[in-house]
Amino acid sequence: MTGMGKRGKNSVIFNSINGKRGQVTIFIIIAVIIVALGAAIYLFYPQISSTFGGEQDANSFIQTCIEDEIQENVETVSLQGGGLNPELHILYLDEKIEYLCYTEKYSQLCIVQRPLLDNSIESEIENGIEEEVKNCFSQLQSNFESRGYDVTMREGDINVELLPQRIVSTFNYTVTFDRAGETQRYESFNAILNNNLYELIGIANNIIDWESTYGNAETTLYMDLYHNLKVEKKKPEYGTDVYILTERTTGDKFQFATRSLVTAPGYGIAYAE
């Protein structure tokens, strides 16, 4: 009985020692992790500070400053057939709507006016926001200088991309912020606008293809395929069709005019509003 008691006591002591060793091991591992994290923060703090402080702050400033101007220009080109100042157009409901496929002759198919419609619209938006972009970066510089930064800036180009469900504007401005020996340098800024113009232009291009090939496009076919899409075709004057494409969910709209395969007056062809 006494021998069994000693072995039991020794077993308890042995387990206790092992438990303590396990606890010590855990504490050592935790200590190593803490030291490693501390070293990482020390080594990479300038980059972390830059990413979560200056860059987001500066980019958010530009996004907030320019987004209304982008929205306004997008709405203008969308309602005017892709141009800020359309030349070949029809006046419909007090809006200048550009002809994207047109012929002035009778019994002839229309000629596409903007073969690369998406690229053309991107350029229109770029030109439309250029002055406000300069103004926003001037405000950015003043804002950071008032917070104690030395700011150097070099203007760059503007790039607008129509992408699925969004429009991304990139401003390739090089901006350097310096304060208390810490320098942050950025070579581009982005502004994102949620908009379905990309999808609407895809539909518009398809309609234009039909107009230039067959002289007409059937609107109900598109609505059967795309249930969130509303397609209207108005005839404000003889020979002219105005197509109005509306995304039902977002309300985004694109409208344009065509004149194709028009029958000469006097052959009993009528038109309706």
Protein backbone atom coordinates (compact mmCIF):
# COMPACT_ATOMS: atom_id res chain seq x y z
CA MET A 1 0.00 0.00 0.00
CA THR A 2 2.83 2.33 0.87
CA GLY A 3 4.63 1.56 -2.45
CA MET A 4 1.50 2.30 -4.41
CA GLY A 5 1.14 5.58 -2.54
CA LYS A 6 4.66 6.66 -3.41
CA ARG A 7 4.16 5.83 -7.09
CA GLY A 8 0.92 7.79 -7.07
CA LYS A 9 2.61 10.74 -5.42
CA ASN A 10 5.48 10.62 -7.90
CA SER A 11 3.00 10.49 -10.76
CA VAL A 12 1.25 13.62 -9.50
CA ILE A 13 4.58 15.43 -9.16
CA PHE A 14 5.60 14.32 -12.67
CA ASN A 15 2.32 15.51 -14.19
CA SER A 16 2.61 18.80 -12.34
CA ILE A 17 6.10 19.34 -13.71
CA ASN A 18 4.93 18.50 -17.24
CA GLY A 19 2.02 20.90 -16.84
CA LYS A 20 4.31 23.68 -15.75
CA ARG A 21 6.63 22.96 -18.65
CA GLY A 22 3.65 23.13 -21.03
CA GLN A 23 2.60 26.50 -19.58
CA VAL A 24 6.15 27.81 -19.92
CA THR A 25 6.24 26.65 -23.54
CA ILE A 26 2.96 28.44 -24.27
CA PHE A 27 4.23 31.63 -22.62
CA ILE A 28 7.44 31.42 -24.69
CA ILE A 29 5.44 31.03 -27.92
CA ILE A 30 3.20 33.99 -27.01
CA ALA A 31 6.25 36.08 -26.16
CA VAL A 32 7.85 35.24 -29.52
CA ILE A 33 4.66 36.21 -31.35
CA ILE A 34 4.46 39.53 -29.46
CA VAL A 35 8.09 40.31 -30.25
CA ALA A 36 7.57 39.40 -33.91
CA LEU A 37 4.49 41.64 -34.16
CA GLY A 38 6.35 44.48 -32.48
CA ALA A 39 9.22 44.11 -34.93
CA ALA A 40 6.83 44.06 -37.88
CA ILE A 41 5.06 47.21 -36.71
CA TYR A 42 8.40 48.93 -36.16
CA LEU A 43 9.75 47.95 -39.57
CA PHE A 44 6.60 48.54 -41.63
CA TYR A 45 4.92 51.35 -39.72
CA PRO A 46 5.66 54.03 -42.36
CA GLN A 47 4.00 51.89 -45.05
CA ILE A 48 1.07 51.05 -42.81
CA SER A 49 0.67 54.67 -41.86
CA SER A 50 0.83 55.63 -45.52
CA THR A 51 -1.74 53.08 -46.59
CA PHE A 52 -4.28 53.61 -43.85
CA GLY A 53 -3.69 57.30 -43.35
CA GLY A 54 -2.42 59.53 -46.10
CA GLU A 55 -3.36 57.57 -49.20
CA GLN A 56 -6.93 56.80 -48.24
CA ASP A 57 -7.36 60.30 -46.90
CA ALA A 58 -6.03 61.89 -50.11
CA ASN A 59 -7.88 59.53 -52.45
CA SER A 60 -11.13 59.95 -50.51
CA PHE A 61 -10.72 63.71 -50.78
CA ILE A 62 -10.43 63.49 -54.58
CA GLN A 63 -13.34 61.03 -54.85
CA THR A 64 -15.61 63.31 -52.82
CA CYS A 65 -14.49 66.42 -54.66
CA ILE A 66 -14.93 65.12 -58.22
CA GLU A 67 -17.81 62.63 -58.04
CA ASP A 68 -20.59 65.20 -58.60
CA GLU A 69 -18.80 66.56 -61.69
CA ILE A 70 -18.40 63.04 -63.08
CA GLN A 71 -22.07 62.29 -62.40
CA GLU A 72 -23.16 65.47 -64.15
CA ASN A 73 -21.07 64.77 -67.26
CA VAL A 74 -22.21 61.15 -67.41
CA GLU A 75 -25.85 62.25 -67.27
CA THR A 76 -25.27 64.85 -69.99
CA VAL A 77 -23.60 62.51 -72.47
CA SER A 78 -26.18 59.81 -71.70
CA LEU A 79 -29.14 62.07 -72.47
CA GLN A 80 -27.52 63.61 -75.55
CA GLY A 81 -26.49 60.45 -77.36
CA GLY A 82 -22.87 60.37 -76.25
CA GLY A 83 -21.70 63.95 -76.80
CA LEU A 84 -21.39 67.01 -74.59
CA ASN A 85 -21.96 69.31 -77.56
CA PRO A 86 -23.67 67.25 -80.26
CA GLU A 87 -23.49 68.71 -83.75
CA LEU A 88 -25.66 66.34 -85.82
CA HIS A 89 -28.71 66.16 -83.58
CA ILE A 90 -32.44 66.50 -83.22
CA LEU A 91 -34.12 68.62 -80.56
CA TYR A 92 -36.50 66.40 -78.62
CA LEU A 93 -38.22 67.49 -75.40
CA ASP A 94 -35.75 70.41 -75.17
CA GLU A 95 -32.75 68.06 -75.34
CA LYS A 96 -30.19 67.85 -78.12
CA ILE A 97 -30.04 64.17 -79.00
CA GLU A 98 -27.23 63.12 -81.31
CA TYR A 99 -27.73 60.96 -84.39
CA LEU A 100 -25.55 57.88 -83.93
CA CYS A 101 -26.61 56.46 -87.30
CA TYR A 102 -27.69 58.86 -90.03
CA THR A 103 -28.35 59.42 -93.70
CA GLU A 104 -30.00 62.46 -95.21
CA LYS A 105 -31.00 60.51 -98.31
CA TYR A 106 -34.18 58.53 -98.83
CA SER A 107 -34.27 54.75 -99.22
CA GLN A 108 -30.72 54.34 -97.97
CA LEU A 109 -29.33 52.75 -94.84
CA CYS A 110 -27.80 55.01 -92.23
CA ILE A 111 -24.07 55.45 -91.67
CA VAL A 112 -22.69 54.90 -88.17
CA GLN A 113 -21.47 58.23 -86.79
CA ARG A 114 -19.45 56.99 -83.80
CA PRO A 115 -17.98 53.58 -84.68
CA LEU A 116 -16.25 53.28 -81.29
CA LEU A 117 -19.04 54.64 -79.16
CA ASP A 118 -17.68 53.59 -75.76
CA ASN A 119 -14.24 55.09 -76.45
CA SER A 120 -15.83 58.26 -77.75
CA ILE A 121 -17.96 58.66 -74.62
CA GLU A 122 -14.96 58.04 -72.37
CA SER A 123 -13.12 60.87 -74.15
CA GLU A 124 -16.13 63.17 -73.80
CA ILE A 125 -16.26 62.59 -70.04
CA GLU A 126 -12.49 63.08 -69.72
CA ASN A 127 -12.73 66.44 -71.48
CA GLY A 128 -15.78 67.44 -69.48
CA ILE A 129 -14.19 66.90 -66.05
CA GLU A 130 -10.68 68.14 -66.85
CA GLU A 131 -11.01 71.60 -65.32
CA GLU A 132 -12.72 70.33 -62.17
CA VAL A 133 -10.01 67.69 -61.73
CA LYS A 134 -7.38 70.46 -61.69
CA ASN A 135 -9.48 72.38 -59.19
CA CYS A 136 -9.85 69.33 -56.92
CA PHE A 137 -6.11 68.66 -56.84
CA SER A 138 -5.49 72.32 -56.09
CA GLN A 139 -7.88 71.99 -53.14
CA LEU A 140 -6.11 68.79 -52.08
CA GLN A 141 -2.77 70.60 -51.99
CA SER A 142 -4.18 73.48 -49.97
CA ASN A 143 -5.87 71.08 -47.55
CA PHE A 144 -2.71 69.12 -46.79
CA GLU A 145 -0.53 72.23 -46.60
CA SER A 146 -2.90 73.63 -43.97
CA ARG A 147 -2.20 70.45 -41.95
CA GLY A 148 1.53 71.02 -41.98
CA TYR A 149 2.56 69.02 -45.04
CA ASP A 150 4.97 70.15 -47.73
CA VAL A 151 3.21 69.17 -50.97
CA THR A 152 4.71 68.84 -54.44
CA MET A 153 2.48 67.96 -57.38
CA ARG A 154 2.85 67.14 -61.06
CA GLU A 155 -0.21 67.03 -63.31
CA GLY A 156 -0.90 63.89 -65.33
CA ASP A 157 -3.47 62.60 -67.75
CA ILE A 158 -7.06 61.56 -67.03
CA ASN A 159 -8.37 58.15 -67.98
CA VAL A 160 -12.08 57.27 -67.83
CA GLU A 161 -13.14 53.64 -68.29
CA LEU A 162 -16.67 52.37 -68.78
CA LEU A 163 -16.82 49.02 -66.99
CA PRO A 164 -19.66 46.67 -66.04
CA GLN A 165 -21.88 48.46 -63.50
CA ARG A 166 -19.36 51.21 -62.84
CA ILE A 167 -17.32 54.03 -64.34
CA VAL A 168 -13.73 54.31 -63.11
CA SER A 169 -11.83 57.57 -63.48
CA THR A 170 -8.08 57.47 -62.93
CA PHE A 171 -6.06 60.64 -62.40
CA ASN A 172 -2.36 60.06 -63.02
CA TYR A 173 -1.20 62.93 -60.87
CA THR A 174 2.08 62.52 -58.97
CA VAL A 175 1.70 63.98 -55.48
CA THR A 176 4.28 63.89 -52.68
CA PHE A 177 3.45 64.73 -49.06
CA ASP A 178 6.26 65.40 -46.61
CA ARG A 179 5.99 66.13 -42.90
CA ALA A 180 8.44 65.60 -40.05
CA GLY A 181 10.73 63.54 -42.22
CA GLU A 182 7.98 61.18 -43.36
CA THR A 183 7.33 61.19 -47.09
CA GLN A 184 4.34 59.78 -48.91
CA ARG A 185 4.27 59.64 -52.71
CA TYR A 186 1.29 58.74 -54.90
CA GLU A 187 1.19 58.46 -58.65
CA SER A 188 -2.51 57.90 -59.30
CA PHE A 189 -5.91 58.51 -57.75
CA ASN A 190 -9.24 56.86 -58.54
CA ALA A 191 -12.88 57.87 -58.44
CA ILE A 192 -15.61 55.26 -58.94
CA LEU A 193 -19.18 55.97 -60.02
CA ASN A 194 -21.80 53.21 -59.88
CA ASN A 195 -23.55 53.34 -63.24
CA ASN A 196 -24.83 50.93 -65.92
CA LEU A 197 -23.78 53.04 -68.91
CA TYR A 198 -21.46 50.24 -70.08
CA GLU A 199 -24.39 47.84 -70.44
CA LEU A 200 -26.65 50.45 -72.04
CA ILE A 201 -24.04 51.29 -74.65
CA GLY A 202 -23.75 47.60 -75.49
CA ILE A 203 -27.50 47.56 -76.26
CA ALA A 204 -27.24 50.84 -78.17
CA ASN A 205 -24.46 49.45 -80.36
CA ASN A 206 -26.61 46.44 -81.19
CA ILE A 207 -29.55 48.66 -82.15
CA ILE A 208 -27.25 50.78 -84.32
CA ASP A 209 -26.03 47.63 -86.06
CA TRP A 210 -29.63 46.72 -86.89
CA GLU A 211 -30.38 50.23 -88.11
CA SER A 212 -27.30 50.36 -90.34
CA THR A 213 -27.96 46.84 -91.71
CA TYR A 214 -31.76 46.58 -91.91
CA GLY A 215 -33.02 50.10 -91.30
CA ASN A 216 -34.94 49.23 -88.13
CA ALA A 217 -34.65 47.54 -84.71
CA GLU A 218 -37.42 45.79 -82.77
CA THR A 219 -37.47 47.13 -79.22
CA THR A 220 -39.50 44.29 -77.66
CA LEU A 221 -36.76 41.77 -78.43
CA TYR A 222 -34.38 43.54 -76.05
CA MET A 223 -36.91 43.73 -73.25
CA ASP A 224 -37.65 40.02 -73.66
CA LEU A 225 -33.94 39.28 -73.23
CA TYR A 226 -33.20 41.85 -70.51
CA HIS A 227 -36.06 42.10 -68.05
CA ASN A 228 -34.58 45.07 -66.18
CA LEU A 229 -34.31 47.04 -69.43
CA LYS A 230 -36.92 49.40 -70.83
CA VAL A 231 -36.53 50.28 -74.52
CA GLU A 232 -38.65 52.99 -76.10
CA LYS A 233 -38.67 54.22 -79.68
CA LYS A 234 -40.11 57.65 -80.34
CA LYS A 235 -40.71 59.30 -83.73
CA PRO A 236 -40.52 63.07 -83.16
CA GLU A 237 -40.41 63.78 -86.88
CA TYR A 238 -40.73 61.85 -90.12
CA GLY A 239 -37.77 59.56 -90.69
CA THR A 240 -36.20 60.02 -87.26
CA ASP A 241 -36.25 57.47 -84.47
CA VAL A 242 -35.23 58.33 -80.91
CA TYR A 243 -34.30 55.32 -78.83
CA ILE A 244 -34.52 55.65 -75.04
CA LEU A 245 -32.85 52.89 -73.01
CA THR A 246 -33.57 52.83 -69.27
CA GLU A 247 -32.29 50.47 -66.59
CA ARG A 248 -35.41 49.92 -64.48
CA THR A 249 -33.57 49.18 -61.23
CA THR A 250 -31.13 52.10 -61.19
CA GLY A 251 -32.88 54.58 -63.47
CA ASP A 252 -29.72 54.95 -65.57
CA LYS A 253 -30.62 56.09 -69.07
CA PHE A 254 -29.07 56.40 -72.52
CA GLN A 255 -30.83 57.90 -75.52
CA PHE A 256 -29.84 58.55 -79.13
CA ALA A 257 -31.33 59.22 -82.56
CA THR A 258 -31.18 57.41 -85.91
CA ARG A 259 -32.36 58.12 -89.46
CA SER A 260 -32.24 55.10 -91.74
CA LEU A 261 -34.03 53.66 -94.77
CA VAL A 262 -36.52 56.50 -94.90
CA THR A 263 -39.22 56.28 -97.56
CA ALA A 264 -39.70 59.48 -99.56
CA PRO A 265 -42.83 61.45 -98.63
CA GLY A 266 -45.90 60.77 -100.70
CA TYR A 267 -45.82 56.97 -100.51
CA GLY A 268 -48.44 56.71 -97.79
CA ILE A 269 -46.01 56.27 -94.88
CA ALA A 270 -47.11 57.96 -91.70
CA TYR A 271 -45.44 58.40 -88.39
CA ALA A 272 -46.70 58.67 -84.82
CA GLU A 273 -45.36 60.39 -81.74
